[in-house]
Amino acid sequence: MTNQKALIVDDEPDIRELIIMTLERMGIECHGAADLAQANKLLAEKSFDLCLTDMRLPDGDGIDLVRTMQQLYPCIPVAVITAFGNMDLAVTALKAGAFDFVSKPVNLGILRDLVNTAMRLAEVPQTPTVPRLLGESTAIKSLRLMIAKLARSQAPVLITGASGTGKELVARLIHEQGPRAEKPFVPVNCGAIPRELMESEFFGHKKGSFTGAIADKEGLFQTANGGTLFLDEVAELPLYLQVKLLRAIQEKAVLPIGNQKEINVDVRILSATNKDLGAMIQAGEFRQDLYYRINVIELTLPPLNTRTEDIPILCDAILDRLVKSLGIKKPKIDKPALALLMNYGFPGNVRELENILERAVTLSDKAVIHVDDIQLQTSATMSESETTSPAAPEDNLGKVLGDIEREKIIQALEDNRWNKTAAAKQLGLTLRALRYRLQKLGLDKKK
């Protein structure tokens, strides 16, 4: 870090010198400024890799400097120093483009973590490279650019969109394109953890702190330390845990059950939901203060029916993956079948497309997928109540397709007295592909 420079802006000489001394011990050359005028003069004269600014300055505030740097020096990460407990200003600064924040009195461990993360930004490519986010539609191109921009910030992001639009994929890409890429990405499905275990799962516990705590346990925050914690289905968190999560985000520290002292954690929070958190706040089911903390920046993913031009590209990639796992030759999709897919509404989005193609590949014994292999009528005949929720059509379709597939495979096995080689031949599958399907459908132990 010997060639890296930081600008420290604070009108309190003691704090400014403490920060400068801390960074210089990290091998960073520092320059101090007591107000905005001095800061702007130094920015015009020198090249910096990082700026740390207090929020309250004699001739303005830190947010003014954040906005100026966003316009004139967008590649320099700027972090703000806020008064203790003043998270509203920190959130405002993050929305304005600040890289991160640190609260007074400055915790030097948290400060060093912030500086190390910011300095790694120099290694992050400036152009988006997201090969796994497939498509050439305007919506996807815009999403790629936004992911690249968000990857360079530490602001909490709330990823919204219908079920099946790829929220976890986008969270992973934000992580992988940012300065935390070499650190852990820890996804957690908030709806899948039993409520009585949630606090222990998130924050950890000490041995003997409750019945069944036979050893110290590291929580998800500690596991993700230095990296990213992805809270999928964040709307499913109970209110009591929302309070504790809010404190962990604000203080950048967690208190394991049975521990007497908080543990500092350096974690970026990304969240996702397909629910209306605003309506949940009105209903008293989600805390408004937590909503503001996790929704500093909102990223809404486009549904598949708004980017139908991407369907041929997606189909090709999905088929590549499927035939690799099944060990079969890649089939083609004929034009009528592709037209059918491109004119379908896809309430279950990309995940539903994957389900449809997986069923077609598994059950078709031809080298070409035709309209009859797609069988979209299962979705067209759903009741009105099922189509009100994007998740409901997707779940219903998956169940129907699974039942059809199970029946066809069982029939082939019974026709051949459960001789798997003969049944595979009847179904037009390789033996390996049949075994894969049996395992997935839970039929591999029936005989």
Protein backbone atom coordinates (compact mmCIF):
# COMPACT_ATOMS: atom_id res chain seq x y z
CA MET A 1 0.00 0.00 0.00
CA THR A 2 3.05 2.32 -0.06
CA ASN A 3 1.85 4.23 -3.14
CA GLN A 4 -1.73 4.75 -1.97
CA LYS A 5 -3.00 8.10 -0.74
CA ALA A 6 -5.94 9.07 1.46
CA LEU A 7 -7.60 12.43 2.10
CA ILE A 8 -8.89 12.92 5.66
CA VAL A 9 -11.41 15.74 6.12
CA ASP A 10 -12.35 16.69 9.70
CA ASP A 11 -12.34 20.01 11.56
CA GLU A 12 -11.41 18.34 14.88
CA PRO A 13 -7.59 18.11 14.88
CA ASP A 14 -7.47 15.23 17.40
CA ILE A 15 -9.78 12.99 15.35
CA ARG A 16 -8.08 13.94 12.10
CA GLU A 17 -4.66 13.10 13.52
CA LEU A 18 -5.90 9.80 15.01
CA ILE A 19 -7.22 8.68 11.61
CA ILE A 20 -4.08 9.84 9.81
CA MET A 21 -1.87 8.00 12.30
CA THR A 22 -3.93 4.81 11.93
CA LEU A 23 -3.76 4.88 8.12
CA GLU A 24 -0.08 5.76 8.01
CA ARG A 25 0.62 2.68 10.12
CA MET A 26 -1.10 0.77 7.30
CA GLY A 27 1.39 2.24 4.84
CA ILE A 28 -0.98 4.82 3.37
CA GLU A 29 0.16 8.37 2.66
CA CYS A 30 -2.35 10.79 4.22
CA HIS A 31 -3.26 14.44 3.68
CA GLY A 32 -5.54 16.30 6.09
CA ALA A 33 -8.11 19.04 5.50
CA ALA A 34 -10.15 20.98 8.08
CA ASP A 35 -12.98 22.04 5.76
CA LEU A 36 -14.49 21.66 2.30
CA ALA A 37 -12.38 24.42 0.78
CA GLN A 38 -9.12 22.73 1.79
CA ALA A 39 -10.46 19.35 0.68
CA ASN A 40 -11.45 20.59 -2.78
CA LYS A 41 -8.03 22.27 -3.18
CA LEU A 42 -6.20 19.02 -2.33
CA LEU A 43 -8.45 16.99 -4.63
CA ALA A 44 -7.58 19.32 -7.50
CA GLU A 45 -3.85 19.10 -6.79
CA LYS A 46 -3.31 15.42 -5.94
CA SER A 47 -4.54 11.95 -6.85
CA PHE A 48 -6.21 10.00 -4.03
CA ASP A 49 -7.33 6.39 -3.56
CA LEU A 50 -9.70 7.12 -0.67
CA CYS A 51 -11.41 10.01 1.08
CA LEU A 52 -12.72 9.98 4.66
CA THR A 53 -14.86 12.97 5.63
CA ASP A 54 -16.70 14.11 8.72
CA MET A 55 -20.37 14.94 8.20
CA ARG A 56 -20.26 18.35 9.90
CA LEU A 57 -17.72 20.83 8.59
CA PRO A 58 -17.36 24.60 9.10
CA ASP A 59 -18.27 25.48 5.49
CA GLY A 60 -20.75 22.70 4.66
CA ASP A 61 -21.21 19.01 5.32
CA GLY A 62 -19.79 15.70 4.22
CA ILE A 63 -22.70 14.98 1.88
CA ASP A 64 -21.74 18.07 -0.16
CA LEU A 65 -18.28 16.55 -0.60
CA VAL A 66 -19.76 13.14 -1.47
CA ARG A 67 -21.88 14.70 -4.23
CA THR A 68 -18.97 16.76 -5.56
CA MET A 69 -16.74 13.70 -5.72
CA GLN A 70 -19.46 11.66 -7.44
CA GLN A 71 -19.46 14.27 -10.21
CA LEU A 72 -15.75 15.12 -10.46
CA TYR A 73 -13.90 12.09 -9.01
CA PRO A 74 -16.30 9.11 -9.29
CA CYS A 75 -13.50 6.54 -9.03
CA ILE A 76 -12.40 7.68 -5.57
CA PRO A 77 -14.37 5.93 -2.80
CA VAL A 78 -15.49 8.38 -0.13
CA ALA A 79 -16.57 7.21 3.33
CA VAL A 80 -18.32 9.42 5.88
CA ILE A 81 -17.75 9.77 9.61
CA THR A 82 -21.04 10.19 11.49
CA ALA A 83 -21.94 11.11 15.04
CA PHE A 84 -22.81 8.19 17.30
CA GLY A 85 -26.32 6.92 16.65
CA ASN A 86 -26.97 9.21 13.67
CA MET A 87 -27.77 6.53 11.14
CA ASP A 88 -30.17 8.73 9.17
CA LEU A 89 -27.27 10.89 7.98
CA ALA A 90 -25.23 7.80 7.17
CA VAL A 91 -28.07 6.42 5.04
CA THR A 92 -28.46 9.79 3.29
CA ALA A 93 -24.73 9.77 2.51
CA LEU A 94 -24.88 6.22 1.15
CA LYS A 95 -27.81 7.17 -1.08
CA ALA A 96 -25.75 10.11 -2.35
CA GLY A 97 -22.95 7.75 -3.35
CA ALA A 98 -20.77 7.32 -0.27
CA PHE A 99 -18.78 4.09 -0.23
CA ASP A 100 -19.39 3.35 3.45
CA PHE A 101 -19.58 4.98 6.89
CA VAL A 102 -17.93 4.79 10.30
CA SER A 103 -19.41 6.18 13.52
CA LYS A 104 -17.81 8.30 16.26
CA PRO A 105 -16.12 7.44 18.51
CA VAL A 106 -14.16 5.83 15.72
CA ASN A 107 -13.55 2.11 16.26
CA LEU A 108 -10.08 1.61 14.81
CA GLY A 109 -10.73 -2.04 13.93
CA ILE A 110 -13.83 -1.10 11.92
CA LEU A 111 -11.91 1.79 10.34
CA ARG A 112 -9.09 -0.52 9.20
CA ASP A 113 -11.61 -2.98 7.72
CA LEU A 114 -13.27 -0.14 5.80
CA VAL A 115 -9.94 1.17 4.49
CA ASN A 116 -8.75 -2.29 3.40
CA THR A 117 -12.00 -2.88 1.50
CA ALA A 118 -11.85 0.54 -0.15
CA MET A 119 -8.24 0.07 -1.22
CA ARG A 120 -9.13 -3.22 -2.94
CA LEU A 121 -11.43 -1.26 -5.26
CA ALA A 122 -8.39 -0.40 -7.36
CA GLU A 123 -8.26 -4.07 -8.35
CA VAL A 124 -11.93 -4.16 -9.44
CA PRO A 125 -12.56 -3.80 -13.22
CA GLN A 126 -14.37 -0.60 -14.19
CA THR A 127 -16.47 -2.30 -16.86
CA PRO A 128 -19.19 -4.85 -16.11
CA THR A 129 -18.27 -8.47 -16.74
CA VAL A 130 -21.32 -10.58 -16.00
CA PRO A 131 -21.29 -13.61 -18.32
CA ARG A 132 -23.80 -15.51 -16.16
CA LEU A 133 -26.45 -12.80 -16.51
CA LEU A 134 -27.66 -13.89 -19.93
CA GLY A 135 -29.49 -11.77 -22.45
CA GLU A 136 -29.08 -8.80 -24.77
CA SER A 137 -32.33 -6.96 -24.00
CA THR A 138 -32.21 -3.33 -22.90
CA ALA A 139 -33.39 -4.36 -19.43
CA ILE A 140 -30.54 -6.85 -18.97
CA LYS A 141 -27.91 -4.46 -20.32
CA SER A 142 -29.10 -1.82 -17.85
CA LEU A 143 -29.05 -4.39 -15.06
CA ARG A 144 -25.44 -5.32 -15.85
CA LEU A 145 -24.41 -1.66 -15.60
CA MET A 146 -26.25 -1.24 -12.30
CA ILE A 147 -24.63 -4.36 -10.85
CA ALA A 148 -21.17 -3.02 -11.76
CA LYS A 149 -22.00 0.29 -10.08
CA LEU A 150 -23.42 -1.29 -6.92
CA ALA A 151 -20.42 -3.62 -6.66
CA ARG A 152 -18.20 -0.59 -6.01
CA SER A 153 -20.26 0.54 -3.02
CA GLN A 154 -20.82 -0.98 0.39
CA ALA A 155 -24.36 0.37 0.65
CA PRO A 156 -27.04 -2.19 1.58
CA VAL A 157 -29.09 -3.21 -1.46
CA LEU A 158 -32.64 -4.59 -1.46
CA ILE A 159 -33.19 -6.78 -4.54
CA THR A 160 -36.86 -7.04 -5.44
CA GLY A 161 -38.73 -8.86 -8.17
CA ALA A 162 -41.08 -11.73 -8.81
CA SER A 163 -40.18 -15.30 -7.91
CA GLY A 164 -37.79 -16.88 -10.40
CA THR A 165 -36.19 -13.65 -11.69
CA GLY A 166 -32.73 -14.52 -10.34
CA LYS A 167 -32.35 -12.47 -7.16
CA GLU A 168 -29.65 -14.68 -5.64
CA LEU A 169 -27.69 -14.69 -8.92
CA VAL A 170 -27.71 -10.89 -8.97
CA ALA A 171 -26.59 -10.76 -5.32
CA ARG A 172 -23.69 -13.11 -6.12
CA LEU A 173 -22.66 -10.97 -9.09
CA ILE A 174 -22.66 -7.79 -6.97
CA HIS A 175 -20.39 -9.61 -4.52
CA GLU A 176 -18.12 -11.12 -7.17
CA GLN A 177 -17.55 -7.82 -8.98
CA GLY A 178 -16.71 -5.91 -5.82
CA PRO A 179 -13.74 -5.61 -3.45
CA ARG A 180 -15.07 -8.45 -1.28
CA ALA A 181 -14.94 -11.01 -4.10
CA GLU A 182 -12.20 -13.09 -2.45
CA LYS A 183 -14.13 -13.21 0.84
CA PRO A 184 -17.19 -15.38 1.68
CA PHE A 185 -20.60 -14.96 0.08
CA VAL A 186 -23.07 -16.41 2.58
CA PRO A 187 -26.66 -16.82 1.37
CA VAL A 188 -29.37 -17.50 3.95
CA ASN A 189 -33.03 -18.29 3.32
CA CYS A 190 -34.70 -16.40 6.16
CA GLY A 191 -37.89 -18.43 5.74
CA ALA A 192 -36.14 -21.78 6.16
CA ILE A 193 -34.65 -21.29 9.66
CA PRO A 194 -36.82 -22.41 12.60
CA ARG A 195 -37.73 -19.32 14.64
CA GLU A 196 -36.37 -20.72 17.88
CA LEU A 197 -32.94 -21.13 16.25
CA MET A 198 -32.76 -17.83 14.36
CA GLU A 199 -30.80 -15.79 16.90
CA SER A 200 -28.21 -18.53 17.29
CA GLU A 201 -27.95 -19.04 13.54
CA PHE A 202 -27.42 -15.34 12.83
CA PHE A 203 -25.27 -14.29 15.76
CA GLY A 204 -23.83 -17.52 17.20
CA HIS A 205 -23.77 -18.74 20.81
CA LYS A 206 -21.42 -19.74 23.59
CA LYS A 207 -21.22 -23.27 24.93
CA GLY A 208 -23.75 -23.82 27.72
CA SER A 209 -25.72 -20.63 26.97
CA PHE A 210 -28.91 -22.69 26.55
CA THR A 211 -30.04 -26.31 26.55
CA GLY A 212 -28.41 -28.07 23.61
CA ALA A 213 -25.55 -25.57 23.24
CA ILE A 214 -22.84 -28.22 23.61
CA ALA A 215 -20.14 -26.14 21.90
CA ASP A 216 -19.42 -22.60 20.77
CA LYS A 217 -21.17 -21.83 17.49
CA GLU A 218 -20.19 -19.20 14.94
CA GLY A 219 -23.15 -17.28 13.52
CA LEU A 220 -23.81 -16.34 9.92
CA PHE A 221 -22.44 -12.82 10.45
CA GLN A 222 -19.12 -14.22 11.66
CA THR A 223 -19.05 -16.75 8.81
CA ALA A 224 -19.52 -13.91 6.32
CA ASN A 225 -16.95 -11.67 8.00
CA GLY A 226 -15.05 -9.70 5.37
CA GLY A 227 -17.56 -10.71 2.72
CA THR A 228 -21.28 -10.50 1.96
CA LEU A 229 -24.33 -11.79 3.83
CA PHE A 230 -27.30 -12.32 1.49
CA LEU A 231 -30.66 -12.32 3.28
CA ASP A 232 -33.07 -14.01 0.91
CA GLU A 233 -36.78 -13.84 1.77
CA VAL A 234 -35.96 -11.13 4.33
CA ALA A 235 -39.68 -10.48 4.80
CA GLU A 236 -39.92 -13.78 6.67
CA LEU A 237 -37.83 -12.55 9.62
CA PRO A 238 -39.83 -12.32 12.87
CA LEU A 239 -40.08 -8.91 14.51
CA TYR A 240 -37.89 -9.79 17.48
CA LEU A 241 -35.01 -10.73 15.18
CA GLN A 242 -35.53 -7.64 13.03
CA VAL A 243 -34.58 -5.53 16.07
CA LYS A 244 -31.34 -7.47 16.59
CA LEU A 245 -30.53 -7.41 12.88
CA LEU A 246 -31.00 -3.64 12.80
CA ARG A 247 -28.51 -3.21 15.64
CA ALA A 248 -25.97 -5.52 13.97
CA ILE A 249 -26.16 -3.46 10.75
CA GLN A 250 -25.90 -0.11 12.54
CA GLU A 251 -23.16 -1.02 14.99
CA LYS A 252 -21.27 -3.40 12.68
CA ALA A 253 -21.12 -5.79 15.62
CA VAL A 254 -23.00 -8.84 16.92
CA LEU A 255 -23.59 -10.27 20.38
CA PRO A 256 -23.54 -14.10 20.42
CA ILE A 257 -25.98 -15.70 22.88
CA GLY A 258 -24.22 -16.08 26.22
CA ASN A 259 -21.39 -13.70 25.29
CA GLN A 260 -20.69 -10.64 27.43
CA LYS A 261 -19.09 -8.54 24.72
CA GLU A 262 -20.06 -7.65 21.16
CA ILE A 263 -17.87 -8.88 18.30
CA ASN A 264 -17.04 -6.53 15.44
CA VAL A 265 -18.06 -7.87 12.03
CA ASP A 266 -17.20 -6.47 8.61
CA VAL A 267 -20.12 -7.61 6.45
CA ARG A 268 -21.97 -6.14 3.51
CA ILE A 269 -25.71 -6.78 3.63
CA LEU A 270 -27.68 -7.65 0.49
CA SER A 271 -31.35 -8.58 0.89
CA ALA A 272 -34.09 -9.90 -1.38
CA THR A 273 -37.85 -10.29 -1.32
CA ASN A 274 -40.79 -10.76 -3.64
CA LYS A 275 -43.19 -9.30 -1.05
CA ASP A 276 -44.43 -5.74 -0.61
CA LEU A 277 -42.46 -4.59 2.45
CA GLY A 278 -44.34 -1.27 2.44
CA ALA A 279 -47.63 -3.11 2.95
CA MET A 280 -46.02 -5.28 5.64
CA ILE A 281 -44.88 -2.13 7.47
CA GLN A 282 -48.44 -0.80 7.41
CA ALA A 283 -49.65 -4.13 8.78
CA GLY A 284 -47.08 -4.04 11.59
CA GLU A 285 -45.26 -7.09 10.22
CA PHE A 286 -41.98 -5.41 9.25
CA ARG A 287 -40.04 -2.68 11.03
CA GLN A 288 -39.84 0.61 9.18
CA ASP A 289 -36.41 1.45 10.62
CA LEU A 290 -34.97 -1.87 9.38
CA TYR A 291 -36.57 -1.29 5.98
CA TYR A 292 -34.71 2.03 5.63
CA ARG A 293 -31.41 0.37 6.58
CA ILE A 294 -31.59 -2.55 4.15
CA ASN A 295 -33.23 -0.53 1.37
CA VAL A 296 -30.60 2.18 0.96
CA ILE A 297 -30.61 1.22 -2.73
CA GLU A 298 -33.41 -0.81 -4.33
CA LEU A 299 -32.76 -2.94 -7.40
CA THR A 300 -35.85 -4.32 -9.12
CA LEU A 301 -35.29 -7.24 -11.50
CA PRO A 302 -37.23 -7.37 -14.77
CA PRO A 303 -39.71 -10.24 -15.27
CA LEU A 304 -39.07 -12.58 -18.19
CA ASN A 305 -42.22 -11.48 -20.04
CA THR A 306 -40.71 -8.00 -20.47
CA ARG A 307 -37.57 -9.32 -22.17
CA THR A 308 -38.82 -12.09 -24.42
CA GLU A 309 -36.00 -11.44 -26.89
CA ASP A 310 -33.70 -13.09 -24.32
CA ILE A 311 -35.62 -16.39 -24.34
CA PRO A 312 -33.65 -18.05 -27.22
CA ILE A 313 -30.35 -17.22 -25.45
CA LEU A 314 -31.68 -18.54 -22.14
CA CYS A 315 -33.02 -21.72 -23.76
CA ASP A 316 -29.66 -22.46 -25.34
CA ALA A 317 -27.80 -22.00 -22.05
CA ILE A 318 -30.34 -24.04 -20.06
CA LEU A 319 -30.18 -26.90 -22.56
CA ASP A 320 -26.37 -26.89 -22.41
CA ARG A 321 -26.54 -27.32 -18.64
CA LEU A 322 -29.26 -29.98 -18.72
CA VAL A 323 -27.63 -32.25 -21.30
CA LYS A 324 -24.33 -32.04 -19.43
CA SER A 325 -25.97 -33.33 -16.23
CA LEU A 326 -28.03 -35.95 -18.07
CA GLY A 327 -25.26 -37.21 -20.33
CA ILE A 328 -27.35 -36.94 -23.50
CA LYS A 329 -27.04 -35.21 -26.86
CA LYS A 330 -28.33 -31.64 -26.93
CA PRO A 331 -31.74 -31.40 -28.63
CA LYS A 332 -32.83 -28.48 -30.77
CA ILE A 333 -36.01 -26.44 -30.28
CA ASP A 334 -38.04 -26.09 -33.47
CA LYS A 335 -39.42 -22.69 -34.51
CA PRO A 336 -43.08 -23.30 -33.49
CA ALA A 337 -41.98 -24.46 -30.02
CA LEU A 338 -39.68 -21.46 -29.61
CA ALA A 339 -42.47 -19.12 -30.78
CA LEU A 340 -44.78 -20.70 -28.19
CA LEU A 341 -42.26 -20.01 -25.44
CA MET A 342 -41.70 -16.42 -26.58
CA ASN A 343 -45.44 -15.70 -26.53
CA TYR A 344 -46.02 -17.27 -23.12
CA GLY A 345 -46.40 -15.04 -20.05
CA PHE A 346 -44.00 -16.96 -17.76
CA PRO A 347 -45.51 -16.18 -14.34
CA GLY A 348 -42.66 -18.22 -12.86
CA ASN A 349 -39.99 -16.36 -14.87
CA VAL A 350 -36.59 -17.93 -15.66
CA ARG A 351 -37.04 -20.69 -13.07
CA GLU A 352 -40.26 -21.75 -14.79
CA LEU A 353 -38.49 -21.79 -18.17
CA GLU A 354 -35.87 -24.09 -16.64
CA ASN A 355 -38.60 -26.42 -15.32
CA ILE A 356 -40.36 -26.56 -18.70
CA LEU A 357 -37.18 -27.35 -20.62
CA GLU A 358 -36.04 -29.91 -18.06
CA ARG A 359 -39.34 -31.76 -18.41
CA ALA A 360 -39.19 -31.57 -22.22
CA VAL A 361 -35.62 -32.89 -22.35
CA THR A 362 -36.32 -35.67 -19.88
CA LEU A 363 -39.55 -36.94 -21.39
CA SER A 364 -38.90 -36.37 -25.09
CA ASP A 365 -37.20 -39.18 -27.00
CA LYS A 366 -36.53 -37.00 -30.04
CA ALA A 367 -33.57 -34.90 -31.16
CA VAL A 368 -35.90 -31.92 -31.60
CA ILE A 369 -38.21 -30.37 -29.01
CA HIS A 370 -41.63 -29.72 -30.56
CA VAL A 371 -44.71 -27.83 -29.36
CA ASP A 372 -46.19 -31.05 -27.93
CA ASP A 373 -43.13 -31.46 -25.72
CA ILE A 374 -43.58 -28.01 -24.17
CA GLN A 375 -47.15 -28.60 -22.89
CA LEU A 376 -47.88 -25.12 -21.57
CA GLN A 377 -51.58 -25.92 -21.17
CA THR A 378 -50.91 -26.98 -17.59
CA SER A 379 -50.35 -23.32 -16.74
CA ALA A 380 -53.19 -22.02 -18.94
CA THR A 381 -55.80 -24.05 -17.05
CA MET A 382 -54.88 -22.81 -13.57
CA SER A 383 -57.55 -21.17 -11.50
CA GLU A 384 -57.71 -17.41 -11.07
CA SER A 385 -56.62 -17.68 -7.44
CA GLU A 386 -53.47 -19.52 -8.46
CA THR A 387 -52.46 -16.86 -10.97
CA THR A 388 -52.65 -13.98 -8.48
CA SER A 389 -49.22 -14.82 -7.10
CA PRO A 390 -46.14 -15.27 -9.33
CA ALA A 391 -44.85 -17.96 -6.99
CA ALA A 392 -48.11 -19.96 -7.10
CA PRO A 393 -48.07 -20.68 -10.88
CA GLU A 394 -44.41 -21.63 -10.69
CA ASP A 395 -44.95 -24.00 -7.76
CA ASN A 396 -48.10 -25.46 -9.34
CA LEU A 397 -46.38 -26.02 -12.68
CA GLY A 398 -43.44 -27.70 -11.02
CA LYS A 399 -45.75 -30.06 -9.14
CA VAL A 400 -47.79 -30.92 -12.24
CA LEU A 401 -44.68 -31.54 -14.35
CA GLY A 402 -43.12 -33.62 -11.60
CA ASP A 403 -46.25 -35.78 -11.33
CA ILE A 404 -46.37 -36.33 -15.11
CA GLU A 405 -42.71 -37.27 -15.20
CA ARG A 406 -43.03 -39.60 -12.20
CA GLU A 407 -46.01 -41.42 -13.73
CA LYS A 408 -44.26 -41.92 -17.08
CA ILE A 409 -41.08 -43.26 -15.47
CA ILE A 410 -42.96 -45.59 -13.11
CA GLN A 411 -45.01 -46.92 -16.01
CA ALA A 412 -41.84 -47.66 -18.01
CA LEU A 413 -40.27 -49.41 -15.01
CA GLU A 414 -43.38 -51.51 -14.44
CA ASP A 415 -43.58 -52.38 -18.13
CA ASN A 416 -40.05 -53.75 -17.84
CA ARG A 417 -40.39 -55.35 -14.37
CA TRP A 418 -38.20 -52.58 -12.91
CA ASN A 419 -35.31 -53.37 -15.22
CA LYS A 420 -33.73 -49.93 -15.36
CA THR A 421 -31.71 -50.55 -18.53
CA ALA A 422 -34.84 -51.64 -20.44
CA ALA A 423 -36.92 -48.83 -18.96
CA ALA A 424 -34.31 -46.27 -19.98
CA LYS A 425 -34.38 -47.62 -23.54
CA GLN A 426 -38.19 -47.39 -23.62
CA LEU A 427 -38.05 -43.78 -22.39
CA GLY A 428 -35.29 -42.86 -24.86
CA LEU A 429 -32.86 -42.04 -22.06
CA THR A 430 -29.39 -43.19 -21.19
CA LEU A 431 -29.19 -45.35 -18.07
CA ARG A 432 -27.28 -42.54 -16.38
CA ALA A 433 -30.04 -40.05 -17.22
CA LEU A 434 -32.70 -42.38 -15.83
CA ARG A 435 -30.78 -42.86 -12.60
CA TYR A 436 -30.50 -39.07 -12.29
CA ARG A 437 -34.28 -38.70 -12.71
CA LEU A 438 -35.01 -41.51 -10.24
CA GLN A 439 -32.84 -39.87 -7.63
CA LYS A 440 -34.40 -36.44 -8.16
CA LEU A 441 -37.94 -37.83 -7.93
CA GLY A 442 -37.17 -39.97 -4.89
CA LEU A 443 -37.79 -43.20 -6.78
CA ASP A 444 -34.27 -44.63 -6.55
CA LYS A 445 -35.06 -46.60 -3.35
CA LYS A 446 -38.48 -47.90 -4.28
CA LYS A 447 -37.17 -51.17 -5.65
